[in-house]
Amino acid sequence: IVIVSVPAASRSSMNLQQPTPLMPPVHPDVQMKPLPFYDVLDVLIKPSSLGASTAQRYHQEKHFIFALTPQQVREVCISRDFLPGGRRDYMVQIQLRFCLSETSCLQEDNYPNSLCIKVNGKLFPLPGFAPPPKNGIEQKRPGRPLNITSLVRLSSAVPNQISVTWAQEIGKTYSMSVYLVRQLTSPLLLQRLRMKGIRNPDHSRALIKEKLTADPDSEVATTSLRVSLMCPLGKMRLTVPCRAVTCSHLQCFDAALYLQMNEKKPTWICPVCDKKATYESLIIDGLFLEILNDCSDVDEIKFQEDGTWCPMRPKKETVKVSSQPITKIEAPARQPLVVSTSMEPSPTKKADVIDLTLESSASSSEDEADSDPPLKKSLCYFPTVRVPNVQTLDPSYLTSSLADYAVPFHSSTLANIPADIQSLELFSLLQADSQVSLLALVL
């Protein structure tokens, strides 16, 4: 075994020759795509790189600190609005955004994998995952700005801390930034769209002529073009017809309804061709405004080759009544059908004679015997009545008379009865009456 010792100077030179990993810049020159419904008032944290740390292999973590000025605190507080249920909403908000660290173009909101955010030690809830695609790719949250105003300390004396935890991805680096923004509404954006101006009607006429110009290489020539005056979003008549300058179709959609839908869920997709139609690319069509003002009872028009148009009114179906006289058809009279029947007997056929008087007496006697059935004896049942033995009551049991019966509470009533009636024995009369009534019931 041969042991070779390497001097310290040579070891240091070997370490210097090894390539060191490139660290992303702390503040890359990243520009976020502007959001139509937010005006940026100030930048609280510039786009900062979420660089990977060699000490942490799987999940990376980084902390950021920012503070508000007294003027910024005042703008946030005066924009507070109380909602039902005790919730608070702010028109001036502190907004947190993530994107890829790419400087080639404007970046949209994009979250790193396994993102976790804490503001001043409190966990911030992230939006839900998007529906999974058909090819089975891992679910990813839709990128959108995060309103962290409710967890921020609205004070200029105390700083705020944001802790970000994420999973490192090979070949991707993300950036984070914090802004002070003012939230806008769809009516305000519609007003700004009107202030941008209306496209000249001649521009749309030139586009119509270009579409209807005959192509010498094509066998099919288009001579007219039908366009609807109904909005494809709400199926209602257009009020502010607009379309994106990047769209090649003539069909317009209603600007007010389009902005309202994107205020709830910002997609910015053209409802006619399903292509991107951002707010900056929207323009109001002057030709369609003239058409809507000229005809208010038509929902569809047709453009001609020279750029003119005509309304497409539905044709009314008319029912024609024939004026020719109706010929009378006479049916032939029916003749009665006569059927002749002969009632004379045939002379050649002999009649069979049957004597019915034979055995008439015998049969009549038998019929009489059969017609009189034997009489049945009827029995009559008479119920027997048992009379109970009634013994006479011995008068010795009734020794007292009415005169001896003392009634202490009704003495005045007995005093009015004559003395001869009081000496009568009435119980004997009652006994005789009861015996008579009992005999009457038995009989």
Protein backbone atom coordinates (compact mmCIF):
# COMPACT_ATOMS: atom_id res chain seq x y z
CA ILE A 1 0.00 0.00 0.00
CA VAL A 2 1.46 3.31 -1.08
CA ILE A 3 0.30 6.43 0.74
CA VAL A 4 0.79 9.67 -1.13
CA SER A 5 0.57 12.90 0.82
CA VAL A 6 -0.73 15.97 -0.97
CA PRO A 7 0.43 19.37 0.22
CA ALA A 8 -2.13 21.84 1.56
CA ALA A 9 -1.36 24.35 -1.17
CA SER A 10 -2.18 21.84 -3.90
CA ARG A 11 -5.41 20.86 -2.13
CA SER A 12 -6.53 24.48 -2.05
CA SER A 13 -5.74 24.85 -5.74
CA MET A 14 -7.84 21.77 -6.54
CA ASN A 15 -10.80 23.17 -4.62
CA LEU A 16 -10.58 26.42 -6.54
CA GLN A 17 -10.72 24.58 -9.83
CA GLN A 18 -14.07 22.88 -8.99
CA PRO A 19 -17.06 24.74 -10.54
CA THR A 20 -19.17 26.53 -7.97
CA PRO A 21 -22.97 26.42 -8.37
CA LEU A 22 -24.44 29.56 -9.89
CA MET A 23 -26.58 31.44 -7.40
CA PRO A 24 -29.55 33.31 -8.81
CA PRO A 25 -29.55 37.07 -8.30
CA VAL A 26 -31.31 38.40 -5.26
CA HIS A 27 -33.37 40.90 -7.26
CA PRO A 28 -33.65 39.65 -10.83
CA ASP A 29 -34.90 41.97 -13.54
CA VAL A 30 -38.32 40.30 -13.65
CA GLN A 31 -41.40 42.21 -14.75
CA MET A 32 -44.84 40.97 -13.75
CA LYS A 33 -47.74 41.18 -16.16
CA PRO A 34 -50.09 44.02 -15.11
CA LEU A 35 -53.50 43.03 -13.75
CA PRO A 36 -56.48 44.92 -15.25
CA PHE A 37 -58.45 45.05 -11.99
CA TYR A 38 -55.54 46.42 -9.89
CA ASP A 39 -53.58 49.65 -10.01
CA VAL A 40 -50.11 49.41 -8.46
CA LEU A 41 -49.58 52.23 -5.94
CA ASP A 42 -46.20 51.20 -4.56
CA VAL A 43 -43.68 48.32 -4.51
CA LEU A 44 -43.11 46.96 -0.99
CA ILE A 45 -40.71 44.11 -1.92
CA LYS A 46 -39.05 44.00 -5.33
CA PRO A 47 -39.07 40.69 -7.22
CA SER A 48 -36.76 38.54 -5.10
CA SER A 49 -35.37 35.20 -6.15
CA LEU A 50 -36.32 32.07 -4.22
CA GLY A 51 -32.82 30.61 -4.43
CA ALA A 52 -32.10 27.01 -3.46
CA SER A 53 -30.00 26.39 -0.39
CA THR A 54 -27.47 23.57 -0.23
CA ALA A 55 -28.21 22.91 3.44
CA GLN A 56 -31.86 22.09 2.70
CA ARG A 57 -32.31 19.22 0.29
CA TYR A 58 -36.07 18.83 -0.16
CA HIS A 59 -38.05 21.81 1.12
CA GLN A 60 -36.62 25.30 0.84
CA GLU A 61 -37.51 28.16 3.18
CA LYS A 62 -36.91 31.88 3.00
CA HIS A 63 -37.98 34.90 5.06
CA PHE A 64 -38.82 38.42 3.90
CA ILE A 65 -39.45 41.58 5.93
CA PHE A 66 -41.22 44.78 4.87
CA ALA A 67 -42.65 47.83 6.64
CA LEU A 68 -45.42 50.29 5.79
CA THR A 69 -45.13 54.05 5.84
CA PRO A 70 -47.70 56.17 7.71
CA GLN A 71 -49.19 57.31 4.40
CA GLN A 72 -49.57 53.71 3.19
CA VAL A 73 -51.22 52.69 6.47
CA ARG A 74 -53.65 55.58 6.14
CA GLU A 75 -54.59 54.65 2.55
CA VAL A 76 -55.31 51.06 3.56
CA CYS A 77 -57.37 52.02 6.62
CA ILE A 78 -59.60 54.58 4.90
CA SER A 79 -60.44 52.06 2.15
CA ARG A 80 -61.83 49.53 4.62
CA ASP A 81 -65.37 48.31 4.01
CA PHE A 82 -67.36 46.15 6.43
CA LEU A 83 -69.19 43.23 4.83
CA PRO A 84 -72.06 41.11 6.26
CA GLY A 85 -70.88 38.56 8.80
CA GLY A 86 -68.24 40.78 10.41
CA ARG A 87 -65.79 40.42 7.51
CA ARG A 88 -63.65 43.33 6.33
CA ASP A 89 -62.67 44.16 2.80
CA TYR A 90 -60.10 46.68 1.63
CA MET A 91 -60.04 48.45 -1.72
CA VAL A 92 -56.35 49.25 -1.11
CA GLN A 93 -54.60 45.92 -0.52
CA ILE A 94 -51.19 44.39 0.16
CA GLN A 95 -50.70 41.90 -2.68
CA LEU A 96 -48.27 38.98 -2.84
CA ARG A 97 -47.29 37.54 -6.24
CA PHE A 98 -45.10 34.64 -7.46
CA CYS A 99 -43.70 34.04 -10.94
CA LEU A 100 -40.87 32.34 -12.79
CA SER A 101 -37.53 34.14 -12.79
CA GLU A 102 -37.57 34.83 -16.53
CA THR A 103 -36.54 38.17 -17.98
CA SER A 104 -37.44 37.49 -21.62
CA CYS A 105 -41.07 38.64 -21.33
CA LEU A 106 -43.75 39.71 -18.89
CA GLN A 107 -44.43 36.97 -16.38
CA GLU A 108 -47.80 35.68 -15.25
CA ASP A 109 -48.59 34.47 -11.74
CA ASN A 110 -47.12 31.03 -11.14
CA TYR A 111 -46.72 29.15 -7.85
CA PRO A 112 -43.86 26.80 -6.98
CA ASN A 113 -44.65 23.26 -5.90
CA SER A 114 -45.66 22.53 -2.29
CA LEU A 115 -45.98 26.23 -1.52
CA CYS A 116 -46.66 27.27 2.07
CA ILE A 117 -46.95 30.90 3.19
CA LYS A 118 -46.97 32.36 6.70
CA VAL A 119 -47.56 36.06 7.36
CA ASN A 120 -46.47 37.18 10.84
CA GLY A 121 -46.53 33.56 11.99
CA LYS A 122 -50.06 32.86 10.71
CA LEU A 123 -50.72 30.40 7.90
CA PHE A 124 -52.20 31.98 4.78
CA PRO A 125 -54.79 29.82 2.93
CA LEU A 126 -53.96 29.24 -0.72
CA PRO A 127 -56.52 28.86 -3.54
CA GLY A 128 -57.70 25.37 -4.42
CA PHE A 129 -56.17 23.09 -7.00
CA ALA A 130 -57.23 23.18 -10.62
CA PRO A 131 -59.12 20.14 -11.99
CA PRO A 132 -56.72 17.33 -12.96
CA PRO A 133 -55.91 17.00 -16.67
CA LYS A 134 -56.68 13.91 -18.69
CA ASN A 135 -53.06 12.80 -19.12
CA GLY A 136 -52.58 12.35 -15.37
CA ILE A 137 -50.14 15.21 -14.73
CA GLU A 138 -49.76 16.34 -11.13
CA GLN A 139 -52.33 18.89 -9.99
CA LYS A 140 -51.19 22.50 -9.84
CA ARG A 141 -52.77 25.55 -8.26
CA PRO A 142 -53.96 28.23 -10.69
CA GLY A 143 -51.71 31.27 -10.53
CA ARG A 144 -53.35 34.40 -9.16
CA PRO A 145 -52.36 37.28 -6.87
CA LEU A 146 -52.75 36.76 -3.11
CA ASN A 147 -54.38 39.37 -0.89
CA ILE A 148 -52.59 39.22 2.49
CA THR A 149 -54.01 42.46 3.93
CA SER A 150 -55.97 40.69 6.69
CA LEU A 151 -52.74 39.23 8.19
CA VAL A 152 -50.58 42.36 7.86
CA ARG A 153 -49.97 44.66 10.83
CA LEU A 154 -51.37 48.02 9.78
CA SER A 155 -48.79 50.04 11.66
CA SER A 156 -45.70 51.94 10.60
CA ALA A 157 -43.87 51.11 13.85
CA VAL A 158 -43.96 47.30 13.57
CA PRO A 159 -42.47 45.46 10.56
CA ASN A 160 -44.14 42.49 8.87
CA GLN A 161 -42.52 39.13 8.14
CA ILE A 162 -43.36 36.66 5.36
CA SER A 163 -42.10 33.06 5.51
CA VAL A 164 -42.18 31.07 2.27
CA THR A 165 -41.66 27.30 2.05
CA TRP A 166 -41.56 25.47 -1.28
CA ALA A 167 -40.20 22.37 -3.01
CA GLN A 168 -37.24 22.79 -5.32
CA GLU A 169 -37.72 22.00 -9.02
CA ILE A 170 -34.92 21.12 -11.38
CA GLY A 171 -34.33 23.83 -13.97
CA LYS A 172 -36.89 26.28 -12.52
CA THR A 173 -36.38 29.29 -10.30
CA TYR A 174 -39.17 31.42 -8.88
CA SER A 175 -39.43 35.00 -7.68
CA MET A 176 -41.64 36.67 -5.11
CA SER A 177 -42.79 40.30 -4.85
CA VAL A 178 -45.14 42.38 -2.69
CA TYR A 179 -47.14 45.40 -3.91
CA LEU A 180 -49.55 47.99 -2.57
CA VAL A 181 -52.46 48.01 -5.03
CA ARG A 182 -55.92 49.51 -5.45
CA GLN A 183 -58.71 47.19 -6.56
CA LEU A 184 -60.89 48.35 -9.48
CA THR A 185 -64.41 47.40 -10.56
CA SER A 186 -65.87 46.42 -13.93
CA PRO A 187 -67.83 49.70 -14.42
CA LEU A 188 -64.59 51.65 -13.96
CA LEU A 189 -62.81 49.46 -16.51
CA LEU A 190 -65.71 49.96 -18.93
CA GLN A 191 -65.37 53.70 -18.51
CA ARG A 192 -61.66 53.48 -19.25
CA LEU A 193 -62.42 51.38 -22.33
CA ARG A 194 -64.78 54.07 -23.62
CA MET A 195 -62.13 56.71 -22.98
CA LYS A 196 -59.67 54.71 -25.08
CA GLY A 197 -61.75 55.55 -28.12
CA ILE A 198 -63.92 53.87 -30.76
CA ARG A 199 -62.47 52.21 -33.83
CA ASN A 200 -63.29 53.95 -37.11
CA PRO A 201 -66.14 52.22 -39.02
CA ASP A 202 -64.05 52.33 -42.21
CA HIS A 203 -61.60 49.91 -40.62
CA SER A 204 -64.36 47.32 -40.19
CA ARG A 205 -65.62 47.92 -43.74
CA ALA A 206 -62.14 47.29 -45.10
CA LEU A 207 -62.01 44.06 -43.12
CA ILE A 208 -65.36 43.00 -44.60
CA LYS A 209 -64.18 43.67 -48.15
CA GLU A 210 -61.03 41.69 -47.47
CA LYS A 211 -63.00 38.69 -46.24
CA LEU A 212 -65.48 38.77 -49.14
CA THR A 213 -62.89 39.29 -51.87
CA ALA A 214 -62.89 36.33 -54.25
CA ASP A 215 -59.81 34.16 -54.01
CA PRO A 216 -58.66 33.05 -57.49
CA ASP A 217 -57.19 29.84 -56.09
CA SER A 218 -60.41 28.84 -54.33
CA GLU A 219 -63.34 27.18 -56.05
CA VAL A 220 -65.86 28.53 -53.50
CA ALA A 221 -66.53 32.28 -53.42
CA THR A 222 -68.25 34.02 -50.49
CA THR A 223 -70.59 36.79 -51.60
CA SER A 224 -72.16 37.76 -48.26
CA LEU A 225 -71.51 37.41 -44.56
CA ARG A 226 -74.18 37.11 -41.87
CA VAL A 227 -73.40 38.47 -38.39
CA SER A 228 -75.56 38.35 -35.26
CA LEU A 229 -76.30 41.38 -33.10
CA MET A 230 -76.76 39.16 -30.02
CA CYS A 231 -73.98 38.75 -27.47
CA PRO A 232 -72.67 35.15 -27.38
CA LEU A 233 -72.17 35.42 -23.61
CA GLY A 234 -75.59 36.52 -22.35
CA LYS A 235 -77.68 35.84 -25.50
CA MET A 236 -78.90 39.44 -25.32
CA ARG A 237 -78.71 42.36 -27.72
CA LEU A 238 -75.33 44.10 -27.79
CA THR A 239 -74.99 47.41 -25.96
CA VAL A 240 -71.22 48.05 -26.15
CA PRO A 241 -69.93 45.93 -29.08
CA CYS A 242 -66.24 45.13 -28.80
CA ARG A 243 -63.67 42.52 -29.75
CA ALA A 244 -59.91 42.09 -29.43
CA VAL A 245 -57.61 43.54 -32.06
CA THR A 246 -55.94 40.14 -32.25
CA CYS A 247 -59.20 38.45 -33.33
CA SER A 248 -59.85 37.95 -37.06
CA HIS A 249 -63.64 37.56 -36.87
CA LEU A 250 -66.29 40.28 -37.26
CA GLN A 251 -68.61 38.98 -34.55
CA CYS A 252 -68.57 41.22 -31.46
CA PHE A 253 -69.46 40.58 -27.82
CA ASP A 254 -70.76 42.90 -25.13
CA ALA A 255 -67.94 44.67 -23.28
CA ALA A 256 -69.89 45.23 -20.04
CA LEU A 257 -70.80 41.56 -19.66
CA TYR A 258 -67.31 40.42 -20.64
CA LEU A 259 -65.73 42.58 -17.93
CA GLN A 260 -68.21 41.41 -15.30
CA MET A 261 -67.40 37.76 -15.99
CA ASN A 262 -63.65 38.37 -15.79
CA GLU A 263 -64.07 40.31 -12.57
CA LYS A 264 -65.40 37.15 -10.89
CA LYS A 265 -63.04 34.72 -12.62
CA PRO A 266 -60.27 36.28 -14.73
CA THR A 267 -59.73 34.13 -17.80
CA TRP A 268 -59.69 36.76 -20.60
CA ILE A 269 -60.73 34.30 -23.30
CA CYS A 270 -62.67 35.49 -26.36
CA PRO A 271 -66.17 33.89 -26.33
CA VAL A 272 -66.21 33.72 -30.15
CA CYS A 273 -62.86 32.17 -31.11
CA ASP A 274 -61.63 30.94 -27.66
CA LYS A 275 -58.34 32.81 -28.01
CA LYS A 276 -56.68 35.22 -25.62
CA ALA A 277 -58.48 38.57 -25.46
CA THR A 278 -56.76 40.66 -22.80
CA TYR A 279 -58.14 43.94 -21.54
CA GLU A 280 -55.40 45.92 -23.28
CA SER A 281 -56.39 44.44 -26.67
CA LEU A 282 -60.13 45.26 -26.43
CA ILE A 283 -61.55 47.89 -28.77
CA ILE A 284 -65.10 49.16 -29.34
CA ASP A 285 -66.29 48.68 -32.94
CA GLY A 286 -67.71 51.88 -34.46
CA LEU A 287 -69.50 50.15 -37.37
CA PHE A 288 -71.52 47.93 -35.05
CA LEU A 289 -72.45 50.96 -32.96
CA GLU A 290 -73.94 52.59 -36.08
CA ILE A 291 -75.84 49.42 -36.95
CA LEU A 292 -77.28 49.08 -33.43
CA ASN A 293 -78.45 52.71 -33.49
CA ASP A 294 -80.00 52.46 -36.97
CA CYS A 295 -82.07 49.29 -36.51
CA SER A 296 -83.45 48.35 -33.12
CA ASP A 297 -85.83 45.58 -34.22
CA VAL A 298 -83.32 43.30 -35.96
CA ASP A 299 -81.08 40.65 -34.39
CA GLU A 300 -79.10 39.67 -37.49
CA ILE A 301 -77.56 41.51 -40.44
CA LYS A 302 -75.84 40.59 -43.70
CA PHE A 303 -72.72 42.27 -45.07
CA GLN A 304 -72.27 42.62 -48.83
CA GLU A 305 -69.08 42.59 -50.88
CA ASP A 306 -68.85 46.40 -51.04
CA GLY A 307 -69.00 46.75 -47.23
CA THR A 308 -72.69 47.68 -47.03
CA TRP A 309 -75.14 45.82 -44.85
CA CYS A 310 -78.83 45.00 -44.80
CA PRO A 311 -81.07 43.72 -41.99
CA MET A 312 -82.21 40.10 -41.97
CA ARG A 313 -85.86 40.16 -40.99
CA PRO A 314 -87.75 36.87 -40.71
CA LYS A 315 -90.23 36.25 -43.51
CA LYS A 316 -93.87 36.09 -42.49
CA GLU A 317 -95.69 33.04 -43.78
CA THR A 318 -98.99 33.92 -45.50
CA VAL A 319 -101.80 31.39 -45.89
CA LYS A 320 -103.50 31.61 -49.34
CA VAL A 321 -107.20 30.76 -49.55
CA SER A 322 -108.41 29.26 -52.87
CA SER A 323 -111.24 31.23 -54.58
CA GLN A 324 -112.36 28.47 -56.97
CA PRO A 325 -116.01 27.34 -56.55
CA ILE A 326 -116.55 23.99 -54.99
CA THR A 327 -118.28 21.58 -57.39
CA LYS A 328 -121.28 19.70 -56.02
CA ILE A 329 -121.13 15.96 -56.40
CA GLU A 330 -124.52 14.26 -56.67
CA ALA A 331 -124.84 10.64 -55.73
CA PRO A 332 -127.25 8.39 -57.70
CA ALA A 333 -130.58 7.70 -56.02
CA ARG A 334 -130.84 4.40 -54.29
CA GLN A 335 -133.58 2.03 -55.48
CA PRO A 336 -135.44 -0.08 -52.95
CA LEU A 337 -134.66 -3.76 -52.91
CA VAL A 338 -137.74 -5.97 -53.34
CA VAL A 339 -137.60 -9.54 -52.02
CA SER A 340 -140.44 -11.90 -52.97
CA THR A 341 -141.19 -14.81 -50.69
CA SER A 342 -143.59 -17.66 -51.39
CA MET A 343 -145.73 -18.92 -48.49
CA GLU A 344 -147.44 -21.79 -50.36
CA PRO A 345 -146.46 -25.30 -49.24
CA SER A 346 -144.84 -27.63 -51.65
CA PRO A 347 -147.33 -30.16 -53.07
CA THR A 348 -144.79 -32.89 -53.40
CA LYS A 349 -143.71 -33.02 -49.73
CA LYS A 350 -145.89 -34.98 -47.30
CA ALA A 351 -146.47 -33.78 -43.75
CA ASP A 352 -145.80 -36.11 -40.83
CA VAL A 353 -148.75 -36.37 -38.37
CA ILE A 354 -148.07 -37.21 -34.72
CA ASP A 355 -150.93 -38.11 -32.36
CA LEU A 356 -150.44 -36.23 -29.13
CA THR A 357 -153.61 -37.56 -27.42
CA LEU A 358 -152.09 -40.90 -26.54
CA GLU A 359 -151.03 -41.41 -22.96
CA SER A 360 -152.31 -37.96 -22.11
CA SER A 361 -154.36 -39.18 -19.16
CA ALA A 362 -151.47 -41.06 -17.63
CA SER A 363 -149.08 -38.19 -18.01
CA SER A 364 -151.63 -35.71 -16.63
CA SER A 365 -152.12 -37.78 -13.49
CA GLU A 366 -148.39 -38.04 -12.99
CA ASP A 367 -147.99 -34.30 -13.52
CA GLU A 368 -150.64 -33.57 -10.93
CA ALA A 369 -148.94 -35.87 -8.49
CA ASP A 370 -145.60 -34.19 -9.11
CA SER A 371 -146.99 -30.67 -8.96
CA ASP A 372 -148.41 -31.06 -5.42
CA PRO A 373 -145.54 -31.66 -3.01
CA PRO A 374 -146.32 -33.18 0.41
CA LEU A 375 -147.18 -30.75 3.18
CA LYS A 376 -144.67 -30.26 5.93
CA LYS A 377 -145.77 -30.24 9.52
CA SER A 378 -145.25 -26.92 11.17
CA LEU A 379 -144.47 -26.81 14.88
CA CYS A 380 -145.40 -23.88 17.09
CA TYR A 381 -143.29 -23.23 20.16
CA PHE A 382 -144.88 -21.34 23.03
CA PRO A 383 -142.45 -19.95 25.58
CA THR A 384 -143.02 -20.91 29.19
CA VAL A 385 -142.97 -18.19 31.78
CA ARG A 386 -141.68 -19.08 35.18
CA VAL A 387 -143.20 -17.08 38.02
CA PRO A 388 -140.90 -16.74 41.01
CA ASN A 389 -142.18 -17.53 44.45
CA VAL A 390 -142.93 -14.24 46.16
CA GLN A 391 -143.37 -14.39 49.87
CA THR A 392 -145.44 -11.85 51.66
CA LEU A 393 -143.68 -9.54 54.02
CA ASP A 394 -144.41 -10.10 57.65
CA PRO A 395 -145.90 -6.89 59.13
CA SER A 396 -144.08 -7.59 62.36
CA TYR A 397 -140.88 -6.31 60.77
CA LEU A 398 -142.42 -2.88 60.43
CA THR A 399 -143.24 -2.02 64.01
CA SER A 400 -142.65 1.68 63.76
CA SER A 401 -145.05 4.13 62.22
CA LEU A 402 -144.50 7.39 60.47
CA ALA A 403 -145.41 9.26 63.58
CA ASP A 404 -142.54 7.62 65.48
CA TYR A 405 -140.00 8.49 62.72
CA ALA A 406 -138.22 11.61 63.81
CA VAL A 407 -136.84 13.94 61.18
CA PRO A 408 -134.86 16.59 62.99
CA PHE A 409 -134.21 18.76 59.95
CA HIS A 410 -137.72 18.63 58.40
CA SER A 411 -139.94 18.83 61.44
CA SER A 412 -141.88 21.70 59.97
CA THR A 413 -142.95 19.59 56.96
CA LEU A 414 -144.24 16.66 59.07
CA ALA A 415 -146.09 19.03 61.31
CA ASN A 416 -148.28 20.15 58.42
CA ILE A 417 -149.51 16.55 57.74
CA PRO A 418 -152.87 15.75 59.46
CA ALA A 419 -152.83 13.31 62.36
CA ASP A 420 -155.17 10.77 60.73
CA ILE A 421 -152.85 10.42 57.74
CA GLN A 422 -149.79 10.08 59.90
CA SER A 423 -151.35 7.03 61.70
CA LEU A 424 -151.74 5.11 58.43
CA GLU A 425 -149.40 2.23 57.67
CA LEU A 426 -148.23 3.08 54.13
CA PHE A 427 -145.68 0.27 53.88
CA SER A 428 -148.42 -2.32 53.67
CA LEU A 429 -149.88 -0.47 50.68
CA LEU A 430 -146.50 -0.38 48.98
CA GLN A 431 -146.14 -4.12 49.55
CA ALA A 432 -149.48 -4.83 47.89
CA ASP A 433 -148.69 -2.60 44.91
CA SER A 434 -145.38 -4.35 44.30
CA GLN A 435 -147.03 -7.77 44.28
CA VAL A 436 -149.68 -6.61 41.77
CA SER A 437 -147.08 -5.15 39.40
CA LEU A 438 -145.00 -8.32 39.54
CA LEU A 439 -148.00 -10.49 38.62
CA ALA A 440 -148.77 -8.19 35.71
CA LEU A 441 -145.28 -8.65 34.36
CA VAL A 442 -145.49 -12.42 34.62
CA LEU A 443 -148.81 -12.58 32.80
